N, C-alpha and C. Protein backbone atom coordinates (compact mmCIF):
# COMPACT_ATOMS: atom_id res chain seq x y z
N UNK A 1 -12.06 -11.22 16.68
CA UNK A 1 -10.64 -11.13 16.29
C UNK A 1 -10.50 -11.22 14.78
N UNK A 2 -11.12 -12.21 14.17
CA UNK A 2 -10.96 -12.41 12.73
C UNK A 2 -11.53 -11.26 11.92
N UNK A 3 -12.63 -10.69 12.40
CA UNK A 3 -13.25 -9.59 11.65
C UNK A 3 -12.37 -8.31 11.75
N UNK A 4 -11.73 -8.09 12.90
CA UNK A 4 -10.85 -6.91 12.98
C UNK A 4 -9.63 -7.07 12.09
N UNK A 5 -9.13 -8.30 11.93
CA UNK A 5 -8.02 -8.52 11.02
C UNK A 5 -8.47 -8.25 9.58
N UNK A 6 -9.62 -8.77 9.21
CA UNK A 6 -10.12 -8.51 7.88
C UNK A 6 -10.37 -7.05 7.59
N UNK A 7 -10.91 -6.33 8.57
CA UNK A 7 -11.13 -4.90 8.40
C UNK A 7 -9.78 -4.18 8.25
N UNK A 8 -8.80 -4.53 9.02
CA UNK A 8 -7.45 -3.93 8.90
C UNK A 8 -6.82 -4.18 7.59
N UNK A 9 -6.97 -5.44 7.09
CA UNK A 9 -6.44 -5.77 5.78
C UNK A 9 -7.15 -4.97 4.68
N UNK A 10 -8.41 -4.82 4.78
CA UNK A 10 -9.21 -4.06 3.77
C UNK A 10 -8.82 -2.62 3.79
N UNK A 11 -8.69 -2.03 4.99
CA UNK A 11 -8.34 -0.62 5.08
C UNK A 11 -6.93 -0.42 4.53
N UNK A 12 -6.02 -1.34 4.85
CA UNK A 12 -4.62 -1.17 4.34
C UNK A 12 -4.62 -1.28 2.81
N UNK A 13 -5.42 -2.22 2.28
CA UNK A 13 -5.44 -2.37 0.83
C UNK A 13 -5.99 -1.09 0.15
N UNK A 14 -7.02 -0.52 0.75
CA UNK A 14 -7.65 0.71 0.17
C UNK A 14 -6.68 1.86 0.28
N UNK A 15 -5.93 1.96 1.35
CA UNK A 15 -4.95 3.04 1.52
C UNK A 15 -3.86 2.91 0.47
N UNK A 16 -3.41 1.67 0.20
CA UNK A 16 -2.38 1.44 -0.82
C UNK A 16 -2.93 1.89 -2.20
N UNK A 17 -4.16 1.55 -2.51
CA UNK A 17 -4.71 1.91 -3.80
C UNK A 17 -4.80 3.43 -3.89
N UNK A 18 -5.27 4.09 -2.79
CA UNK A 18 -5.34 5.56 -2.82
C UNK A 18 -4.00 6.22 -2.99
N UNK A 19 -3.01 5.77 -2.31
CA UNK A 19 -1.71 6.38 -2.42
C UNK A 19 -1.11 6.17 -3.85
N UNK A 20 -1.34 4.99 -4.40
CA UNK A 20 -0.86 4.74 -5.76
C UNK A 20 -1.59 5.67 -6.72
N UNK A 21 -2.90 5.91 -6.57
CA UNK A 21 -3.64 6.78 -7.41
C UNK A 21 -3.06 8.22 -7.29
N UNK A 22 -2.79 8.64 -6.00
CA UNK A 22 -2.31 10.01 -5.84
C UNK A 22 -0.88 10.18 -6.42
N UNK A 23 -0.10 9.14 -6.39
CA UNK A 23 1.24 9.21 -6.97
C UNK A 23 1.12 9.38 -8.52
N UNK A 24 0.09 8.77 -9.09
CA UNK A 24 -0.10 8.91 -10.53
C UNK A 24 -0.46 10.37 -10.86
N UNK A 25 -1.10 11.11 -9.94
CA UNK A 25 -1.51 12.46 -10.20
C UNK A 25 -0.40 13.48 -9.95
N UNK A 26 0.72 13.09 -9.39
CA UNK A 26 1.79 14.00 -9.09
C UNK A 26 2.58 14.30 -10.38
N UNK A 27 3.07 15.58 -10.48
CA UNK A 27 3.84 15.93 -11.69
C UNK A 27 5.26 15.52 -11.59
N UNK A 28 5.48 14.19 -11.66
CA UNK A 28 6.87 13.66 -11.64
C UNK A 28 7.19 13.00 -12.98
N UNK A 29 8.47 12.87 -13.22
CA UNK A 29 8.86 12.16 -14.42
C UNK A 29 8.61 10.65 -14.23
N UNK A 30 8.58 9.99 -15.29
CA UNK A 30 8.13 8.54 -15.31
C UNK A 30 9.04 7.69 -14.42
N UNK A 31 10.35 7.92 -14.45
CA UNK A 31 11.27 7.08 -13.66
C UNK A 31 11.06 7.27 -12.16
N UNK A 32 10.89 8.55 -11.73
CA UNK A 32 10.63 8.82 -10.34
C UNK A 32 9.33 8.30 -9.89
N UNK A 33 8.32 8.41 -10.72
CA UNK A 33 7.00 7.90 -10.39
C UNK A 33 7.02 6.35 -10.17
N UNK A 34 7.82 5.70 -11.02
CA UNK A 34 7.91 4.27 -10.87
C UNK A 34 8.63 3.86 -9.61
N UNK A 35 9.65 4.60 -9.25
CA UNK A 35 10.37 4.31 -7.99
C UNK A 35 9.41 4.52 -6.79
N UNK A 36 8.65 5.54 -6.80
CA UNK A 36 7.73 5.84 -5.70
C UNK A 36 6.66 4.74 -5.66
N UNK A 37 6.15 4.30 -6.76
CA UNK A 37 5.20 3.21 -6.79
C UNK A 37 5.75 1.95 -6.22
N UNK A 38 6.98 1.57 -6.57
CA UNK A 38 7.56 0.39 -6.04
C UNK A 38 7.77 0.50 -4.55
N UNK A 39 8.15 1.62 -4.02
CA UNK A 39 8.28 1.83 -2.58
C UNK A 39 6.95 1.66 -1.86
N UNK A 40 5.90 2.26 -2.44
CA UNK A 40 4.61 2.22 -1.84
C UNK A 40 4.09 0.75 -1.78
N UNK A 41 4.32 0.01 -2.90
CA UNK A 41 3.87 -1.39 -2.95
C UNK A 41 4.64 -2.25 -1.94
N UNK A 42 5.94 -2.06 -1.79
CA UNK A 42 6.72 -2.76 -0.83
C UNK A 42 6.28 -2.48 0.61
N UNK A 43 6.03 -1.22 0.93
CA UNK A 43 5.54 -0.88 2.26
C UNK A 43 4.15 -1.47 2.48
N UNK A 44 3.34 -1.46 1.45
CA UNK A 44 2.00 -2.02 1.56
C UNK A 44 2.04 -3.54 1.81
N UNK A 45 2.87 -4.24 1.13
CA UNK A 45 3.01 -5.70 1.30
C UNK A 45 3.52 -6.00 2.71
N UNK A 46 4.47 -5.24 3.19
CA UNK A 46 5.01 -5.50 4.53
C UNK A 46 3.87 -5.22 5.58
N UNK A 47 3.10 -4.15 5.35
CA UNK A 47 2.05 -3.85 6.25
C UNK A 47 0.99 -4.96 6.23
N UNK A 48 0.61 -5.50 5.06
CA UNK A 48 -0.34 -6.60 4.99
C UNK A 48 0.23 -7.85 5.67
N UNK A 49 1.53 -8.11 5.51
CA UNK A 49 2.09 -9.29 6.21
C UNK A 49 2.06 -9.12 7.70
N UNK A 50 2.16 -7.92 8.19
CA UNK A 50 2.07 -7.69 9.61
C UNK A 50 0.68 -8.04 10.15
N UNK A 51 -0.32 -7.70 9.33
CA UNK A 51 -1.73 -8.08 9.74
C UNK A 51 -1.93 -9.59 9.73
N UNK A 52 -1.24 -10.24 8.86
CA UNK A 52 -1.37 -11.73 8.77
C UNK A 52 -0.43 -12.43 9.78
N UNK A 53 0.26 -11.67 10.63
CA UNK A 53 1.13 -12.18 11.67
C UNK A 53 2.31 -12.95 11.13
N UNK A 54 2.80 -12.58 9.95
CA UNK A 54 3.97 -13.16 9.38
C UNK A 54 5.24 -12.59 10.10
N UNK A 55 5.23 -11.28 10.36
CA UNK A 55 6.29 -10.64 11.05
C UNK A 55 5.93 -10.35 12.44
């Protein structure tokens, strides 16, 4: 049980990093890119909190 939670957290963390990297590569203006990054980080934190059974 604990190992599956750790694997889930690791995969979620890697997906967040990948999405943030891909957002950097998009041809968006700086303000829009920052908004998208904040949204991705918030969704990632909520997802990580679900793995930790906070929600």
